[in-house]
Amino acid sequence: MSPDTIKLLKEKVFDKSKWMQLPRDVVIGHDVLNQITPVCEDLKLGRSAFLISGKSTMERAGKTVGDLLSKTGTVKIFIAEEISPKVIKQAEQEAKDMDFVIGVGGGRVIDTAKIVSYNLDRQFVSIPTAASHDGIASARASVPTMEGNVSLEAHPPLAIIADTGIIASAPHRLLAAGCADVISNYTAILDWEMAHRIKGEPMSEYAVALSKMTAEILVKNADLIKPHQEQSAWFVTKALVSSGVAMSIAGSSRPASGGEHKFSHALDRLAPGKALHGESCGIGTIISMYLHGGDWRGIRESLRMIGAPVTPADVGIADEVAVEALLMAKTIRPERFTIFDMGITRESAEKLVQMLYSE
């Protein structure tokens, strides 16, 4: 399904100019939630905040943020336990008289806040409680449908406040998935360069350089990513923000989304709820790097060192399902040309999946 068929975003007026939106204030570190008030004042966001959070993340961080902002203005709380058209419309209705939007939570909460702020033409502050994917800083929002998740264009946060203590306390699986999502930039760039050469697709050298550098840093320092350590949380969060900025520079998700993401979306449709987004992207990256003739073993070893899955079995998915996902990948966003669109047969798909287990 094309994201163009999902009518969740308000249509914007066509403009021939290019508007590059980047986060202006980025605060990452220990106990930084108390920076929310000065950040909002610095950006002149207004006096009334619409705070979107989840039930558990409200207890972990949302209440603190709400209490701090209520000392100088008005705060309206909205609990989003899921991301869906119904929840988004309800949030928009309740937020229409508020000055700005804050998302405090995981990916679904932040994506909900991102879409609501975009549709209401309000600024948006991202406060992640986990570093599981680059959505904390990007202009993309992932929305589940009956056919699986679709990626929608919104706008990036004006500010990001990431408390490394809170992020480090989250399950390590989430941090490892965030690492895998960034490492997938390697093959996303290779796909983009290939589309540029074969299809004449425009490419941003600046976005490519930043995205590649971000992935390289995590691969080279994979041994530093440890469970429940703030240094690791700080390291990964910085990388996720950089990945999001690369997408803003490019004006699309191309620097961080190639065939491995198409594989991830296909896998999500065939085996919903089994793998986290970053986890399936990591597995797809190993396969894509093999097809591109790169160091796929090095990618696999880095993912293992971080604690991310490297085979379908690692996330409880049958190999046969992964084979079907490889064959389905070309039908996901067919306008985005990648190595997975180069005629993978069932026989080759089966060999590619078995290759993941080889030594």
Protein backbone atom coordinates (compact mmCIF):
# COMPACT_ATOMS: atom_id res chain seq x y z
CA MET A 1 0.00 0.00 0.00
CA SER A 2 1.29 3.44 -0.87
CA PRO A 3 1.44 5.99 1.95
CA ASP A 4 -0.35 8.38 -0.40
CA THR A 5 -3.59 6.46 0.23
CA ILE A 6 -3.46 7.08 4.01
CA LYS A 7 -5.28 10.37 4.55
CA LEU A 8 -4.03 11.24 8.03
CA LEU A 9 -1.99 14.30 7.12
CA LYS A 10 -3.39 17.66 6.16
CA GLU A 11 -2.46 18.53 2.58
CA LYS A 12 0.01 21.40 2.32
CA VAL A 13 -0.09 24.05 -0.42
CA PHE A 14 2.35 23.32 -3.27
CA ASP A 15 5.49 25.43 -3.08
CA LYS A 16 8.41 25.27 -5.53
CA SER A 17 10.88 26.38 -2.86
CA LYS A 18 12.59 23.88 -0.56
CA TRP A 19 12.09 24.35 3.18
CA MET A 20 14.68 22.54 5.24
CA GLN A 21 13.51 22.01 8.83
CA LEU A 22 16.06 21.04 11.48
CA PRO A 23 15.83 20.72 15.28
CA ARG A 24 17.03 23.99 16.82
CA ASP A 25 17.59 22.89 20.42
CA VAL A 26 18.95 19.41 21.20
CA VAL A 27 19.58 18.55 24.85
CA ILE A 28 20.99 15.08 25.64
CA GLY A 29 22.29 14.03 29.03
CA HIS A 30 21.62 13.04 32.61
CA ASP A 31 18.58 14.52 34.33
CA VAL A 32 17.83 16.99 31.53
CA LEU A 33 14.03 16.95 31.76
CA ASN A 34 14.30 20.09 33.90
CA GLN A 35 15.51 21.90 30.76
CA ILE A 36 12.03 21.75 29.22
CA THR A 37 10.94 25.17 30.49
CA PRO A 38 14.05 27.12 29.38
CA VAL A 39 13.99 25.33 26.01
CA CYS A 40 10.35 26.28 25.42
CA GLU A 41 11.08 29.85 26.48
CA ASP A 42 14.14 30.01 24.22
CA LEU A 43 12.08 28.90 21.24
CA LYS A 44 9.13 31.14 22.18
CA LEU A 45 6.68 28.28 21.78
CA GLY A 46 3.89 29.87 23.81
CA ARG A 47 2.22 29.38 27.20
CA SER A 48 0.00 26.37 26.57
CA ALA A 49 1.36 22.87 25.91
CA PHE A 50 -0.49 19.81 24.66
CA LEU A 51 1.41 16.87 26.16
CA ILE A 52 0.95 13.46 24.53
CA SER A 53 2.25 10.43 26.41
CA GLY A 54 1.50 6.78 27.12
CA LYS A 55 0.23 5.34 30.39
CA SER A 56 3.61 3.98 31.53
CA THR A 57 5.75 6.74 30.01
CA MET A 58 3.54 9.31 31.70
CA GLU A 59 4.71 7.90 35.04
CA ARG A 60 8.35 7.66 33.94
CA ALA A 61 8.72 11.13 32.43
CA GLY A 62 5.47 12.77 31.33
CA LYS A 63 4.35 13.78 34.81
CA THR A 64 7.68 15.47 35.49
CA VAL A 65 7.50 17.42 32.23
CA GLY A 66 3.89 18.40 32.86
CA ASP A 67 4.59 19.56 36.41
CA LEU A 68 7.53 21.71 35.27
CA LEU A 69 5.59 23.40 32.48
CA SER A 70 2.49 23.96 34.62
CA LYS A 71 4.52 26.33 36.80
CA THR A 72 4.72 28.87 33.98
CA GLY A 73 1.77 28.00 31.74
CA THR A 74 -1.09 25.67 30.89
CA VAL A 75 -0.65 21.96 30.23
CA LYS A 76 -3.25 19.61 28.78
CA ILE A 77 -2.49 15.88 29.06
CA PHE A 78 -3.50 13.34 26.41
CA ILE A 79 -2.82 9.62 26.94
CA ALA A 80 -2.26 7.78 23.64
CA GLU A 81 -2.07 4.03 24.19
CA GLU A 82 -1.93 3.41 20.44
CA ILE A 83 -1.41 5.29 17.20
CA SER A 84 -4.45 5.16 14.92
CA PRO A 85 -6.58 7.55 12.84
CA LYS A 86 -9.14 7.65 15.66
CA VAL A 87 -6.57 8.58 18.32
CA ILE A 88 -4.94 11.16 16.04
CA LYS A 89 -8.25 12.88 15.28
CA GLN A 90 -9.20 12.91 18.96
CA ALA A 91 -5.84 14.42 19.88
CA GLU A 92 -6.16 17.07 17.16
CA GLN A 93 -9.58 18.06 18.45
CA GLU A 94 -8.30 18.48 22.01
CA ALA A 95 -5.11 20.29 20.94
CA LYS A 96 -6.58 22.83 18.51
CA ASP A 97 -6.47 25.71 21.04
CA MET A 98 -3.00 24.90 22.42
CA ASP A 99 0.21 26.67 21.41
CA PHE A 100 2.51 23.69 20.89
CA VAL A 101 2.73 19.90 21.16
CA ILE A 102 5.06 17.71 23.23
CA GLY A 103 5.53 13.98 22.74
CA VAL A 104 6.86 12.13 25.80
CA GLY A 105 7.32 8.42 25.23
CA GLY A 106 8.29 5.78 22.70
CA GLY A 107 7.95 5.70 18.94
CA ARG A 108 4.16 5.52 18.73
CA VAL A 109 3.64 8.41 21.12
CA ILE A 110 6.18 10.61 19.35
CA ASP A 111 4.77 9.74 15.91
CA THR A 112 1.27 10.63 17.14
CA ALA A 113 2.55 13.98 18.42
CA LYS A 114 4.40 14.52 15.13
CA ILE A 115 1.26 14.04 13.01
CA VAL A 116 -0.95 16.11 15.32
CA SER A 117 1.51 19.02 15.32
CA TYR A 118 1.87 18.83 11.54
CA ASN A 119 -1.87 18.87 10.91
CA LEU A 120 -2.47 21.74 13.34
CA ASP A 121 0.57 23.76 12.18
CA ARG A 122 2.01 23.74 15.67
CA GLN A 123 5.61 23.27 16.73
CA PHE A 124 6.58 19.95 18.27
CA VAL A 125 9.02 18.96 21.03
CA SER A 126 10.30 15.38 21.15
CA ILE A 127 11.09 13.83 24.55
CA PRO A 128 11.95 10.14 23.95
CA THR A 129 11.90 7.60 26.78
CA ALA A 130 13.69 5.01 24.61
CA ALA A 131 16.16 5.17 21.71
CA SER A 132 14.66 2.46 19.54
CA HIS A 133 14.65 4.23 16.13
CA ASP A 134 15.44 7.55 14.44
CA GLY A 135 11.82 8.70 14.57
CA ILE A 136 12.74 10.75 17.65
CA ALA A 137 14.31 13.32 15.30
CA SER A 138 13.01 12.63 11.81
CA ALA A 139 10.18 14.03 9.73
CA ARG A 140 8.68 10.57 9.18
CA ALA A 141 5.84 9.01 11.15
CA SER A 142 5.01 5.29 11.08
CA VAL A 143 1.31 4.43 11.28
CA PRO A 144 -0.09 0.88 11.48
CA THR A 145 -2.79 -0.19 9.04
CA MET A 146 -4.56 -3.47 8.29
CA GLU A 147 -1.81 -4.22 5.75
CA GLY A 148 1.08 -3.23 8.04
CA ASN A 149 2.92 -0.04 8.91
CA VAL A 150 3.15 2.84 6.44
CA SER A 151 5.61 5.72 6.64
CA LEU A 152 4.16 9.22 6.37
CA GLU A 153 5.85 12.58 5.84
CA ALA A 154 5.28 15.08 8.66
CA HIS A 155 7.88 17.46 10.07
CA PRO A 156 10.77 17.07 12.53
CA PRO A 157 10.70 18.32 16.12
CA LEU A 158 11.84 21.86 16.80
CA ALA A 159 13.55 20.60 19.96
CA ILE A 160 14.68 17.26 21.37
CA ILE A 161 15.23 16.63 25.07
CA ALA A 162 16.63 13.16 25.75
CA ASP A 163 17.32 12.12 29.34
CA THR A 164 20.00 9.43 29.17
CA GLY A 165 19.07 8.09 32.61
CA ILE A 166 15.52 7.37 31.48
CA ILE A 167 16.65 5.96 28.12
CA ALA A 168 19.29 3.73 29.75
CA SER A 169 16.69 2.28 32.13
CA ALA A 170 14.53 1.06 29.23
CA PRO A 171 14.93 -2.56 28.05
CA HIS A 172 18.24 -3.02 26.21
CA ARG A 173 16.34 -4.55 23.30
CA LEU A 174 15.04 -1.07 22.45
CA LEU A 175 18.50 0.50 22.44
CA ALA A 176 19.90 -2.35 20.33
CA ALA A 177 17.05 -1.85 17.84
CA GLY A 178 17.92 1.84 17.64
CA CYS A 179 21.53 0.93 16.84
CA ALA A 180 20.38 -1.44 14.11
CA ASP A 181 18.18 1.28 12.62
CA VAL A 182 21.17 3.63 12.36
CA ILE A 183 23.50 0.92 11.02
CA SER A 184 20.97 0.31 8.24
CA ASN A 185 21.97 3.73 6.89
CA TYR A 186 24.93 1.94 5.28
CA THR A 187 22.78 0.06 2.80
CA ALA A 188 20.17 2.82 2.47
CA ILE A 189 22.94 5.02 1.07
CA LEU A 190 24.15 2.28 -1.28
CA ASP A 191 20.59 1.92 -2.60
CA TRP A 192 20.27 5.69 -3.02
CA GLU A 193 23.56 5.90 -4.92
CA MET A 194 22.44 3.01 -7.14
CA ALA A 195 19.09 4.73 -7.85
CA HIS A 196 21.00 7.90 -8.68
CA ARG A 197 23.20 6.09 -11.20
CA ILE A 198 20.50 3.90 -12.77
CA LYS A 199 17.32 5.97 -12.44
CA GLY A 200 18.78 9.48 -12.29
CA GLU A 201 17.25 10.06 -8.87
CA PRO A 202 18.50 13.30 -7.27
CA MET A 203 20.94 12.78 -4.40
CA SER A 204 22.30 15.01 -1.63
CA GLU A 205 26.01 14.50 -1.00
CA TYR A 206 25.75 16.30 2.34
CA ALA A 207 22.97 14.01 3.54
CA VAL A 208 24.90 10.95 2.32
CA ALA A 209 28.06 12.02 4.17
CA LEU A 210 26.25 12.63 7.48
CA SER A 211 24.21 9.43 7.29
CA LYS A 212 27.24 7.29 6.44
CA MET A 213 29.36 8.85 9.17
CA THR A 214 26.64 8.17 11.73
CA ALA A 215 26.45 4.49 10.80
CA GLU A 216 30.22 4.12 10.76
CA ILE A 217 30.55 5.53 14.26
CA LEU A 218 28.18 2.93 15.69
CA VAL A 219 29.78 0.03 13.81
CA LYS A 220 33.29 1.02 14.90
CA ASN A 221 32.19 1.47 18.51
CA ALA A 222 29.76 -1.44 18.80
CA ASP A 223 31.71 -2.78 21.80
CA LEU A 224 30.79 0.35 23.76
CA ILE A 225 27.03 -0.29 23.53
CA LYS A 226 26.19 -1.99 26.82
CA PRO A 227 22.88 -2.58 28.63
CA HIS A 228 21.64 0.08 31.04
CA GLN A 229 24.63 2.41 30.75
CA GLU A 230 24.04 6.12 30.26
CA GLN A 231 27.15 6.45 28.12
CA SER A 232 25.64 3.94 25.67
CA ALA A 233 22.29 5.74 25.74
CA TRP A 234 24.02 9.06 25.04
CA PHE A 235 26.05 7.56 22.19
CA VAL A 236 23.05 5.97 20.46
CA THR A 237 20.72 8.93 20.96
CA LYS A 238 23.23 11.27 19.34
CA ALA A 239 23.45 8.90 16.38
CA LEU A 240 19.66 8.75 16.02
CA VAL A 241 19.43 12.55 16.05
CA SER A 242 22.15 12.81 13.40
CA SER A 243 20.30 10.28 11.25
CA GLY A 244 17.13 12.34 11.56
CA VAL A 245 19.01 15.51 10.58
CA ALA A 246 20.38 13.76 7.48
CA MET A 247 16.81 13.07 6.39
CA SER A 248 15.85 16.70 6.96
CA ILE A 249 18.78 17.83 4.81
CA ALA A 250 17.75 15.43 2.05
CA GLY A 251 14.09 16.36 2.27
CA SER A 252 13.21 12.66 2.34
CA SER A 253 13.98 9.46 4.25
CA ARG A 254 16.36 8.26 1.52
CA PRO A 255 19.56 8.63 3.63
CA ALA A 256 18.17 6.20 6.20
CA SER A 257 15.67 4.02 4.36
CA GLY A 258 16.41 1.63 1.51
CA GLY A 259 15.69 -1.98 0.66
CA GLU A 260 16.28 -3.09 4.24
CA HIS A 261 13.34 -0.90 5.31
CA LYS A 262 11.13 -2.33 2.57
CA PHE A 263 12.04 -5.78 3.88
CA SER A 264 11.22 -4.61 7.41
CA HIS A 265 7.77 -3.36 6.38
CA ALA A 266 7.09 -6.59 4.51
CA LEU A 267 8.15 -8.65 7.52
CA ASP A 268 5.86 -6.57 9.73
CA ARG A 269 2.91 -7.37 7.49
CA LEU A 270 3.66 -11.08 7.38
CA ALA A 271 4.61 -11.47 11.05
CA PRO A 272 3.13 -8.49 12.92
CA GLY A 273 4.42 -7.85 16.41
CA LYS A 274 7.36 -10.26 16.21
CA ALA A 275 10.29 -7.93 15.52
CA LEU A 276 10.88 -4.30 16.39
CA HIS A 277 11.34 -1.99 13.43
CA GLY A 278 15.08 -1.58 13.98
CA GLU A 279 15.58 -5.30 14.52
CA SER A 280 14.11 -6.29 11.16
CA CYS A 281 15.97 -3.43 9.48
CA GLY A 282 19.21 -4.82 10.90
CA ILE A 283 18.52 -8.28 9.46
CA GLY A 284 17.60 -6.68 6.14
CA THR A 285 20.84 -4.69 6.20
CA ILE A 286 22.96 -7.86 6.38
CA ILE A 287 21.16 -9.24 3.32
CA SER A 288 21.32 -5.95 1.43
CA MET A 289 25.04 -5.53 2.16
CA TYR A 290 25.66 -9.04 0.82
CA LEU A 291 23.80 -8.17 -2.39
CA HIS A 292 25.80 -4.95 -2.74
CA GLY A 293 29.04 -6.93 -2.35
CA GLY A 294 30.02 -5.20 0.90
CA ASP A 295 31.25 -6.42 4.29
CA TRP A 296 28.06 -8.12 5.39
CA ARG A 297 29.92 -10.24 7.96
CA GLY A 298 31.25 -7.10 9.61
CA ILE A 299 27.73 -5.67 9.82
CA ARG A 300 26.44 -8.93 11.28
CA GLU A 301 29.22 -9.04 13.90
CA SER A 302 28.55 -5.44 14.97
CA LEU A 303 24.84 -6.20 15.39
CA ARG A 304 25.65 -9.31 17.44
CA MET A 305 28.05 -7.34 19.64
CA ILE A 306 25.35 -4.74 20.32
CA GLY A 307 22.81 -7.43 21.15
CA ALA A 308 20.59 -7.05 18.09
CA PRO A 309 19.13 -10.10 16.26
CA VAL A 310 20.83 -11.24 13.05
CA THR A 311 18.53 -14.08 11.91
CA PRO A 312 14.75 -14.56 11.66
CA ALA A 313 14.98 -17.24 14.36
CA ASP A 314 16.40 -14.63 16.77
CA VAL A 315 13.04 -12.84 16.73
CA GLY A 316 10.86 -15.94 16.52
CA ILE A 317 10.11 -15.70 12.81
CA ALA A 318 10.21 -18.75 10.53
CA ASP A 319 12.74 -18.67 7.73
CA GLU A 320 9.93 -19.25 5.23
CA VAL A 321 8.29 -16.01 6.34
CA ALA A 322 11.56 -14.10 5.85
CA VAL A 323 11.78 -15.56 2.33
CA GLU A 324 8.28 -14.27 1.57
CA ALA A 325 9.26 -10.85 2.97
CA LEU A 326 12.23 -10.69 0.60
CA LEU A 327 9.95 -11.47 -2.33
CA MET A 328 7.34 -8.95 -1.14
CA ALA A 329 9.85 -6.12 -0.54
CA LYS A 330 9.70 -4.87 -4.14
CA THR A 331 5.95 -4.20 -3.74
CA ILE A 332 6.55 -1.88 -0.77
CA ARG A 333 6.96 1.71 -1.97
CA PRO A 334 7.67 0.57 -5.56
CA GLU A 335 8.69 4.12 -6.48
CA ARG A 336 11.78 3.71 -4.23
CA PHE A 337 14.34 1.77 -6.28
CA THR A 338 16.66 -0.49 -4.23
CA ILE A 339 18.80 -3.61 -4.58
CA PHE A 340 15.74 -5.65 -3.55
CA ASP A 341 14.03 -4.55 -6.79
CA MET A 342 16.66 -6.28 -8.95
CA GLY A 343 14.80 -9.56 -9.51
CA ILE A 344 15.19 -11.71 -6.40
CA THR A 345 13.80 -15.19 -7.11
CA ARG A 346 12.40 -17.61 -4.55
CA GLU A 347 15.48 -19.77 -4.85
CA SER A 348 17.85 -16.84 -4.30
CA ALA A 349 15.70 -15.57 -1.42
CA GLU A 350 15.98 -18.95 0.30
CA LYS A 351 19.76 -18.88 -0.11
CA LEU A 352 19.95 -15.32 1.23
CA VAL A 353 18.06 -16.28 4.39
CA GLN A 354 20.27 -19.35 4.94
CA MET A 355 23.32 -17.13 4.46
CA LEU A 356 22.37 -15.29 7.65
CA TYR A 357 23.15 -18.43 9.66
CA SER A 358 26.49 -19.21 7.98
CA GLU A 359 29.84 -18.66 9.68
